[in-house]
Amino acid sequence: MPAFQITAHDSHPADETAIVDGGLDEANHAAAPLSEVHPLSCFARLHTGQVIGGAVGRRWGAACELQQLWVAPSHRRQGIGSALVHAFEARARAHGCSSFYLETFSFQVPALYRSLGYTVAYEHAPYPHGIVKFVMVKHDRA
């Protein structure tokens, strides 16, 4: 008889999840200098200061990950998303980044990223309704 018991949940119980998060953080920090990972963000604002879009991610060495890109629905298709990605990449380049990557679903904006020079490195399609997740990358030339 095993000395442990497995319990399964259709949720993330807070106490148990905190234990797993803490243990994983400890193991990751022991294996890699994660203190060198730094946040990076850019925001588009109206003259009133209202945020109408943003690009949020992180950088680590020469690598930069765009984790979130959002533009308010009433301001889409005006070049704001492209401008945010360009500003995000420029900020990352100022910190020495030359390799960029992101994940996006087929119902989001993979065509925008392609137009900005990103290519699909990996395609994952087990999702319902024909939805595909793309891992996309872009490398600056030396």
N, C-alpha and C. Protein backbone atom coordinates (compact mmCIF):
# COMPACT_ATOMS: atom_id res chain seq x y z
N MET A 1 0.85 -1.19 0.00
CA MET A 1 0.00 0.00 0.00
C MET A 1 0.90 1.25 0.00
N PRO A 2 0.65 2.21 -0.93
CA PRO A 2 1.51 3.40 -0.99
C PRO A 2 1.37 4.27 0.27
N ALA A 3 2.44 5.01 0.53
CA ALA A 3 2.47 5.89 1.70
C ALA A 3 1.89 7.26 1.37
N PHE A 4 1.19 7.37 0.27
CA PHE A 4 0.60 8.65 -0.11
C PHE A 4 -0.77 8.41 -0.73
N GLN A 5 -1.53 9.48 -0.82
CA GLN A 5 -2.86 9.43 -1.41
C GLN A 5 -2.97 10.54 -2.45
N ILE A 6 -3.54 10.28 -3.59
CA ILE A 6 -3.75 11.27 -4.64
C ILE A 6 -5.19 11.77 -4.54
N THR A 7 -5.36 13.09 -4.56
CA THR A 7 -6.71 13.66 -4.64
C THR A 7 -6.77 14.52 -5.90
N ALA A 8 -7.87 14.47 -6.60
CA ALA A 8 -8.04 15.23 -7.84
C ALA A 8 -9.15 16.26 -7.64
N HIS A 9 -9.00 17.40 -8.29
CA HIS A 9 -9.95 18.51 -8.13
C HIS A 9 -10.26 19.14 -9.49
N ASP A 10 -11.40 19.72 -9.61
CA ASP A 10 -11.76 20.51 -10.78
C ASP A 10 -11.63 21.99 -10.44
N SER A 11 -10.64 22.30 -9.62
CA SER A 11 -10.36 23.67 -9.20
C SER A 11 -8.89 23.74 -8.79
N HIS A 12 -8.46 24.88 -8.29
CA HIS A 12 -7.11 25.06 -7.75
C HIS A 12 -7.25 25.43 -6.28
N PRO A 13 -7.31 24.44 -5.39
CA PRO A 13 -7.41 24.77 -3.96
C PRO A 13 -6.24 25.67 -3.55
N ALA A 14 -6.53 26.78 -2.92
CA ALA A 14 -5.53 27.81 -2.64
C ALA A 14 -4.34 27.29 -1.84
N ASP A 15 -4.57 26.58 -0.75
CA ASP A 15 -3.46 26.12 0.09
C ASP A 15 -2.55 25.14 -0.65
N GLU A 16 -3.14 24.16 -1.33
CA GLU A 16 -2.35 23.17 -2.04
C GLU A 16 -1.61 23.79 -3.22
N THR A 17 -2.28 24.68 -3.92
CA THR A 17 -1.65 25.36 -5.06
C THR A 17 -0.48 26.20 -4.60
N ALA A 18 -0.60 26.88 -3.46
CA ALA A 18 0.50 27.68 -2.92
C ALA A 18 1.71 26.81 -2.59
N ILE A 19 1.48 25.60 -2.09
CA ILE A 19 2.58 24.68 -1.77
C ILE A 19 3.31 24.28 -3.06
N VAL A 20 2.54 23.94 -4.10
CA VAL A 20 3.14 23.55 -5.38
C VAL A 20 3.90 24.72 -5.98
N ASP A 21 3.29 25.91 -5.99
CA ASP A 21 3.96 27.10 -6.53
C ASP A 21 5.27 27.38 -5.79
N GLY A 22 5.23 27.31 -4.47
CA GLY A 22 6.43 27.56 -3.67
C GLY A 22 7.52 26.54 -3.93
N GLY A 23 7.14 25.27 -4.01
CA GLY A 23 8.13 24.22 -4.28
C GLY A 23 8.74 24.35 -5.66
N LEU A 24 7.92 24.69 -6.64
CA LEU A 24 8.43 24.87 -8.00
C LEU A 24 9.33 26.10 -8.08
N ASP A 25 8.95 27.19 -7.43
CA ASP A 25 9.80 28.39 -7.40
C ASP A 25 11.16 28.07 -6.79
N GLU A 26 11.16 27.34 -5.69
CA GLU A 26 12.42 26.98 -5.02
C GLU A 26 13.31 26.14 -5.94
N ALA A 27 12.73 25.15 -6.59
CA ALA A 27 13.50 24.29 -7.50
C ALA A 27 14.02 25.08 -8.70
N ASN A 28 13.18 25.94 -9.26
CA ASN A 28 13.59 26.74 -10.42
C ASN A 28 14.72 27.71 -10.05
N HIS A 29 14.61 28.37 -8.92
CA HIS A 29 15.64 29.32 -8.50
C HIS A 29 16.97 28.62 -8.18
N ALA A 30 16.89 27.38 -7.75
CA ALA A 30 18.12 26.62 -7.49
C ALA A 30 18.81 26.23 -8.80
N ALA A 31 18.04 26.09 -9.87
CA ALA A 31 18.59 25.62 -11.15
C ALA A 31 18.96 26.74 -12.11
N ALA A 32 18.32 27.90 -11.99
CA ALA A 32 18.54 28.98 -12.97
C ALA A 32 18.50 30.33 -12.27
N PRO A 33 19.24 31.31 -12.77
CA PRO A 33 19.27 32.64 -12.16
C PRO A 33 18.01 33.45 -12.52
N LEU A 34 16.87 33.02 -12.01
CA LEU A 34 15.61 33.67 -12.36
C LEU A 34 15.50 35.10 -11.82
N SER A 35 16.42 35.48 -10.94
CA SER A 35 16.43 36.87 -10.48
C SER A 35 16.83 37.81 -11.63
N GLU A 36 17.36 37.23 -12.73
CA GLU A 36 17.73 38.01 -13.90
C GLU A 36 16.56 38.23 -14.86
N VAL A 37 15.40 37.63 -14.58
CA VAL A 37 14.20 37.84 -15.39
C VAL A 37 13.58 39.16 -14.95
N HIS A 38 13.32 40.04 -15.92
CA HIS A 38 12.79 41.38 -15.60
C HIS A 38 11.52 41.66 -16.39
N PRO A 39 10.57 42.34 -15.76
CA PRO A 39 9.33 42.69 -16.46
C PRO A 39 9.58 43.78 -17.50
N LEU A 40 8.69 43.83 -18.46
CA LEU A 40 8.77 44.83 -19.52
C LEU A 40 7.33 45.12 -19.96
N SER A 41 7.00 46.38 -20.18
CA SER A 41 5.64 46.71 -20.62
C SER A 41 5.61 48.04 -21.35
N CYS A 42 4.60 48.19 -22.18
CA CYS A 42 4.33 49.43 -22.91
C CYS A 42 2.82 49.61 -22.93
N PHE A 43 2.36 50.86 -22.86
CA PHE A 43 0.93 51.13 -22.86
C PHE A 43 0.59 52.25 -23.82
N ALA A 44 -0.56 52.15 -24.43
CA ALA A 44 -1.10 53.21 -25.28
C ALA A 44 -2.17 53.93 -24.47
N ARG A 45 -2.10 55.25 -24.45
CA ARG A 45 -3.05 56.06 -23.67
C ARG A 45 -3.65 57.16 -24.53
N LEU A 46 -4.87 57.50 -24.22
CA LEU A 46 -5.49 58.68 -24.81
C LEU A 46 -4.92 59.92 -24.13
N HIS A 47 -5.19 61.10 -24.67
CA HIS A 47 -4.69 62.33 -24.05
C HIS A 47 -5.23 62.52 -22.64
N THR A 48 -6.33 61.82 -22.30
CA THR A 48 -6.90 61.88 -20.95
C THR A 48 -6.15 60.99 -19.96
N GLY A 49 -5.25 60.16 -20.49
CA GLY A 49 -4.51 59.22 -19.65
C GLY A 49 -5.12 57.83 -19.63
N GLN A 50 -6.30 57.67 -20.21
CA GLN A 50 -6.97 56.37 -20.24
C GLN A 50 -6.16 55.37 -21.05
N VAL A 51 -5.90 54.21 -20.47
CA VAL A 51 -5.17 53.14 -21.16
C VAL A 51 -6.12 52.49 -22.16
N ILE A 52 -5.69 52.44 -23.43
CA ILE A 52 -6.49 51.81 -24.48
C ILE A 52 -5.78 50.59 -25.08
N GLY A 53 -4.60 50.29 -24.55
CA GLY A 53 -3.89 49.11 -25.03
C GLY A 53 -2.61 48.90 -24.25
N GLY A 54 -2.09 47.69 -24.35
CA GLY A 54 -0.85 47.41 -23.64
C GLY A 54 -0.16 46.16 -24.15
N ALA A 55 1.14 46.15 -23.98
CA ALA A 55 1.98 44.99 -24.28
C ALA A 55 2.75 44.68 -22.99
N VAL A 56 2.62 43.46 -22.51
CA VAL A 56 3.20 43.08 -21.22
C VAL A 56 4.00 41.80 -21.41
N GLY A 57 5.19 41.77 -20.85
CA GLY A 57 6.01 40.57 -20.96
C GLY A 57 7.20 40.60 -20.03
N ARG A 58 8.25 39.91 -20.44
CA ARG A 58 9.44 39.81 -19.60
C ARG A 58 10.66 39.56 -20.48
N ARG A 59 11.82 39.86 -19.93
CA ARG A 59 13.07 39.65 -20.64
C ARG A 59 14.04 38.90 -19.74
N TRP A 60 14.91 38.13 -20.37
CA TRP A 60 15.92 37.37 -19.64
C TRP A 60 17.08 37.17 -20.60
N GLY A 61 18.17 37.83 -20.32
CA GLY A 61 19.32 37.78 -21.23
C GLY A 61 18.93 38.35 -22.57
N ALA A 62 19.21 37.63 -23.64
CA ALA A 62 18.88 38.09 -24.99
C ALA A 62 17.45 37.74 -25.39
N ALA A 63 16.73 37.01 -24.54
CA ALA A 63 15.38 36.57 -24.86
C ALA A 63 14.33 37.49 -24.27
N CYS A 64 13.26 37.70 -25.03
CA CYS A 64 12.16 38.53 -24.57
C CYS A 64 10.84 37.85 -24.94
N GLU A 65 9.94 37.74 -23.99
CA GLU A 65 8.64 37.11 -24.21
C GLU A 65 7.54 38.14 -24.11
N LEU A 66 6.73 38.24 -25.16
CA LEU A 66 5.52 39.04 -25.12
C LEU A 66 4.42 38.13 -24.59
N GLN A 67 3.94 38.42 -23.39
CA GLN A 67 2.96 37.54 -22.76
C GLN A 67 1.53 37.99 -23.02
N GLN A 68 1.31 39.29 -23.15
CA GLN A 68 -0.03 39.80 -23.36
C GLN A 68 0.01 41.02 -24.28
N LEU A 69 -0.91 41.05 -25.22
CA LEU A 69 -1.12 42.22 -26.07
C LEU A 69 -2.62 42.45 -26.12
N TRP A 70 -3.04 43.67 -25.81
CA TRP A 70 -4.47 43.98 -25.80
C TRP A 70 -4.68 45.40 -26.28
N VAL A 71 -5.71 45.59 -27.09
CA VAL A 71 -6.15 46.91 -27.51
C VAL A 71 -7.66 46.96 -27.30
N ALA A 72 -8.15 48.04 -26.72
CA ALA A 72 -9.58 48.19 -26.48
C ALA A 72 -10.34 48.02 -27.80
N PRO A 73 -11.46 47.32 -27.78
CA PRO A 73 -12.19 47.04 -29.02
C PRO A 73 -12.47 48.28 -29.88
N SER A 74 -12.80 49.38 -29.28
CA SER A 74 -13.13 50.59 -30.06
C SER A 74 -11.91 51.24 -30.70
N HIS A 75 -10.71 50.76 -30.37
CA HIS A 75 -9.47 51.34 -30.91
C HIS A 75 -8.68 50.35 -31.76
N ARG A 76 -9.26 49.20 -32.05
CA ARG A 76 -8.57 48.21 -32.85
C ARG A 76 -8.54 48.61 -34.33
N ARG A 77 -7.61 48.01 -35.06
CA ARG A 77 -7.43 48.24 -36.51
C ARG A 77 -7.05 49.69 -36.82
N GLN A 78 -6.32 50.29 -35.89
CA GLN A 78 -5.82 51.65 -36.09
C GLN A 78 -4.29 51.70 -35.98
N GLY A 79 -3.65 50.52 -35.92
CA GLY A 79 -2.20 50.47 -35.83
C GLY A 79 -1.66 50.49 -34.41
N ILE A 80 -2.52 50.49 -33.43
CA ILE A 80 -2.07 50.56 -32.03
C ILE A 80 -1.36 49.28 -31.62
N GLY A 81 -1.90 48.12 -32.00
CA GLY A 81 -1.25 46.86 -31.65
C GLY A 81 0.15 46.77 -32.23
N SER A 82 0.29 47.12 -33.49
CA SER A 82 1.62 47.11 -34.12
C SER A 82 2.56 48.07 -33.42
N ALA A 83 2.07 49.27 -33.12
CA ALA A 83 2.90 50.27 -32.45
C ALA A 83 3.34 49.77 -31.07
N LEU A 84 2.44 49.10 -30.36
CA LEU A 84 2.80 48.56 -29.05
C LEU A 84 3.87 47.48 -29.17
N VAL A 85 3.74 46.58 -30.14
CA VAL A 85 4.74 45.53 -30.31
C VAL A 85 6.08 46.15 -30.68
N HIS A 86 6.07 47.12 -31.58
CA HIS A 86 7.32 47.80 -31.96
C HIS A 86 7.97 48.47 -30.74
N ALA A 87 7.18 49.16 -29.93
CA ALA A 87 7.71 49.84 -28.75
C ALA A 87 8.24 48.82 -27.73
N PHE A 88 7.51 47.72 -27.57
CA PHE A 88 7.92 46.66 -26.65
C PHE A 88 9.26 46.07 -27.08
N GLU A 89 9.39 45.76 -28.38
CA GLU A 89 10.64 45.21 -28.90
C GLU A 89 11.78 46.21 -28.78
N ALA A 90 11.51 47.48 -29.05
CA ALA A 90 12.55 48.51 -28.95
C ALA A 90 13.05 48.62 -27.52
N ARG A 91 12.13 48.58 -26.57
CA ARG A 91 12.53 48.65 -25.16
C ARG A 91 13.39 47.44 -24.80
N ALA A 92 13.00 46.27 -25.29
CA ALA A 92 13.76 45.05 -25.03
C ALA A 92 15.14 45.12 -25.68
N ARG A 93 15.21 45.63 -26.90
CA ARG A 93 16.50 45.76 -27.58
C ARG A 93 17.43 46.69 -26.80
N ALA A 94 16.88 47.72 -26.18
CA ALA A 94 17.69 48.64 -25.38
C ALA A 94 18.33 47.92 -24.19
N HIS A 95 17.76 46.78 -23.82
CA HIS A 95 18.31 45.95 -22.73
C HIS A 95 19.12 44.78 -23.27
N GLY A 96 19.38 44.75 -24.59
CA GLY A 96 20.21 43.70 -25.17
C GLY A 96 19.47 42.51 -25.72
N CYS A 97 18.15 42.56 -25.80
CA CYS A 97 17.39 41.43 -26.33
C CYS A 97 17.46 41.40 -27.85
N SER A 98 17.55 40.20 -28.40
CA SER A 98 17.57 40.03 -29.85
C SER A 98 16.71 38.85 -30.30
N SER A 99 16.10 38.16 -29.37
CA SER A 99 15.25 37.02 -29.66
C SER A 99 13.91 37.24 -28.96
N PHE A 100 12.83 37.16 -29.75
CA PHE A 100 11.50 37.45 -29.22
C PHE A 100 10.59 36.26 -29.44
N TYR A 101 9.69 36.02 -28.51
CA TYR A 101 8.75 34.92 -28.68
C TYR A 101 7.45 35.21 -27.97
N LEU A 102 6.40 34.50 -28.38
CA LEU A 102 5.06 34.68 -27.82
C LEU A 102 4.23 33.46 -28.11
N GLU A 103 3.11 33.35 -27.41
CA GLU A 103 2.11 32.32 -27.69
C GLU A 103 0.81 33.04 -28.02
N THR A 104 0.10 32.56 -29.03
CA THR A 104 -1.17 33.16 -29.39
C THR A 104 -2.09 32.08 -29.94
N PHE A 105 -3.38 32.25 -29.76
CA PHE A 105 -4.36 31.33 -30.32
C PHE A 105 -4.79 31.80 -31.70
N SER A 106 -5.32 30.88 -32.48
CA SER A 106 -5.77 31.19 -33.83
C SER A 106 -6.88 32.23 -33.84
N PHE A 107 -7.65 32.37 -32.76
CA PHE A 107 -8.72 33.36 -32.72
C PHE A 107 -8.22 34.72 -32.23
N GLN A 108 -6.93 34.81 -31.93
CA GLN A 108 -6.35 36.09 -31.52
C GLN A 108 -5.74 36.74 -32.76
N VAL A 109 -4.51 37.18 -32.72
CA VAL A 109 -3.96 37.93 -33.87
C VAL A 109 -2.66 37.35 -34.43
N PRO A 110 -2.63 36.05 -34.79
CA PRO A 110 -1.38 35.54 -35.37
C PRO A 110 -1.01 36.26 -36.67
N ALA A 111 -1.98 36.72 -37.43
CA ALA A 111 -1.67 37.44 -38.69
C ALA A 111 -0.93 38.74 -38.40
N LEU A 112 -1.27 39.41 -37.31
CA LEU A 112 -0.55 40.64 -36.93
C LEU A 112 0.90 40.31 -36.65
N TYR A 113 1.14 39.28 -35.87
CA TYR A 113 2.51 38.91 -35.52
C TYR A 113 3.31 38.50 -36.77
N ARG A 114 2.66 37.77 -37.69
CA ARG A 114 3.34 37.40 -38.94
C ARG A 114 3.75 38.66 -39.70
N SER A 115 2.85 39.66 -39.73
CA SER A 115 3.16 40.90 -40.46
C SER A 115 4.30 41.67 -39.81
N LEU A 116 4.58 41.37 -38.55
CA LEU A 116 5.66 42.04 -37.82
C LEU A 116 6.95 41.21 -37.82
N GLY A 117 6.97 40.12 -38.60
CA GLY A 117 8.19 39.35 -38.75
C GLY A 117 8.29 38.10 -37.90
N TYR A 118 7.24 37.76 -37.17
CA TYR A 118 7.25 36.53 -36.36
C TYR A 118 6.91 35.33 -37.25
N THR A 119 7.52 34.20 -36.95
CA THR A 119 7.21 32.97 -37.66
C THR A 119 6.75 31.92 -36.66
N VAL A 120 5.98 30.97 -37.14
CA VAL A 120 5.47 29.91 -36.27
C VAL A 120 6.57 28.88 -36.04
N ALA A 121 6.92 28.69 -34.78
CA ALA A 121 7.92 27.69 -34.41
C ALA A 121 7.26 26.37 -34.00
N TYR A 122 6.03 26.48 -33.52
CA TYR A 122 5.31 25.29 -33.05
C TYR A 122 3.83 25.57 -33.13
N GLU A 123 3.09 24.54 -33.53
CA GLU A 123 1.64 24.62 -33.65
C GLU A 123 1.04 23.50 -32.81
N HIS A 124 0.09 23.83 -31.95
CA HIS A 124 -0.52 22.85 -31.06
C HIS A 124 -2.03 22.91 -31.27
N ALA A 125 -2.64 21.80 -31.71
CA ALA A 125 -4.04 21.85 -32.12
C ALA A 125 -4.96 20.83 -31.45
N PRO A 126 -4.86 20.61 -30.14
CA PRO A 126 -5.79 19.66 -29.52
C PRO A 126 -7.06 20.33 -28.99
N TYR A 127 -7.21 21.62 -29.25
CA TYR A 127 -8.31 22.38 -28.66
C TYR A 127 -9.60 22.19 -29.43
N PRO A 128 -10.73 22.40 -28.79
CA PRO A 128 -12.01 22.24 -29.49
C PRO A 128 -12.24 23.37 -30.50
N HIS A 129 -13.21 23.15 -31.36
CA HIS A 129 -13.68 24.17 -32.32
C HIS A 129 -12.60 24.58 -33.33
N GLY A 130 -11.62 23.71 -33.56
CA GLY A 130 -10.58 24.01 -34.54
C GLY A 130 -9.57 25.05 -34.08
N ILE A 131 -9.55 25.36 -32.81
CA ILE A 131 -8.64 26.37 -32.27
C ILE A 131 -7.22 25.80 -32.21
N VAL A 132 -6.26 26.62 -32.60
CA VAL A 132 -4.85 26.24 -32.61
C VAL A 132 -4.07 27.24 -31.78
N LYS A 133 -3.10 26.75 -31.02
CA LYS A 133 -2.17 27.64 -30.30
C LYS A 133 -0.86 27.65 -31.08
N PHE A 134 -0.33 28.86 -31.29
CA PHE A 134 0.93 29.02 -32.00
C PHE A 134 1.99 29.56 -31.05
N VAL A 135 3.18 28.99 -31.11
CA VAL A 135 4.35 29.58 -30.49
C VAL A 135 5.08 30.26 -31.65
N MET A 136 5.28 31.57 -31.53
CA MET A 136 5.88 32.34 -32.62
C MET A 136 7.17 32.99 -32.15
N VAL A 137 8.13 33.10 -33.07
CA VAL A 137 9.43 33.64 -32.73
C VAL A 137 9.89 34.66 -33.76
N LYS A 138 10.79 35.50 -33.33
CA LYS A 138 11.40 36.50 -34.19
C LYS A 138 12.81 36.73 -33.69
N HIS A 139 13.78 36.68 -34.59
CA HIS A 139 15.18 36.90 -34.20
C HIS A 139 15.73 38.08 -34.97
N ASP A 140 16.37 38.98 -34.28
CA ASP A 140 17.05 40.09 -34.96
C ASP A 140 18.29 39.54 -35.64
N ARG A 141 18.58 40.07 -36.77
CA ARG A 141 19.80 39.69 -37.47
C ARG A 141 20.98 40.42 -36.87
N ALA A 142 22.11 39.76 -36.80
CA ALA A 142 23.31 40.35 -36.19
C ALA A 142 23.83 41.48 -37.04
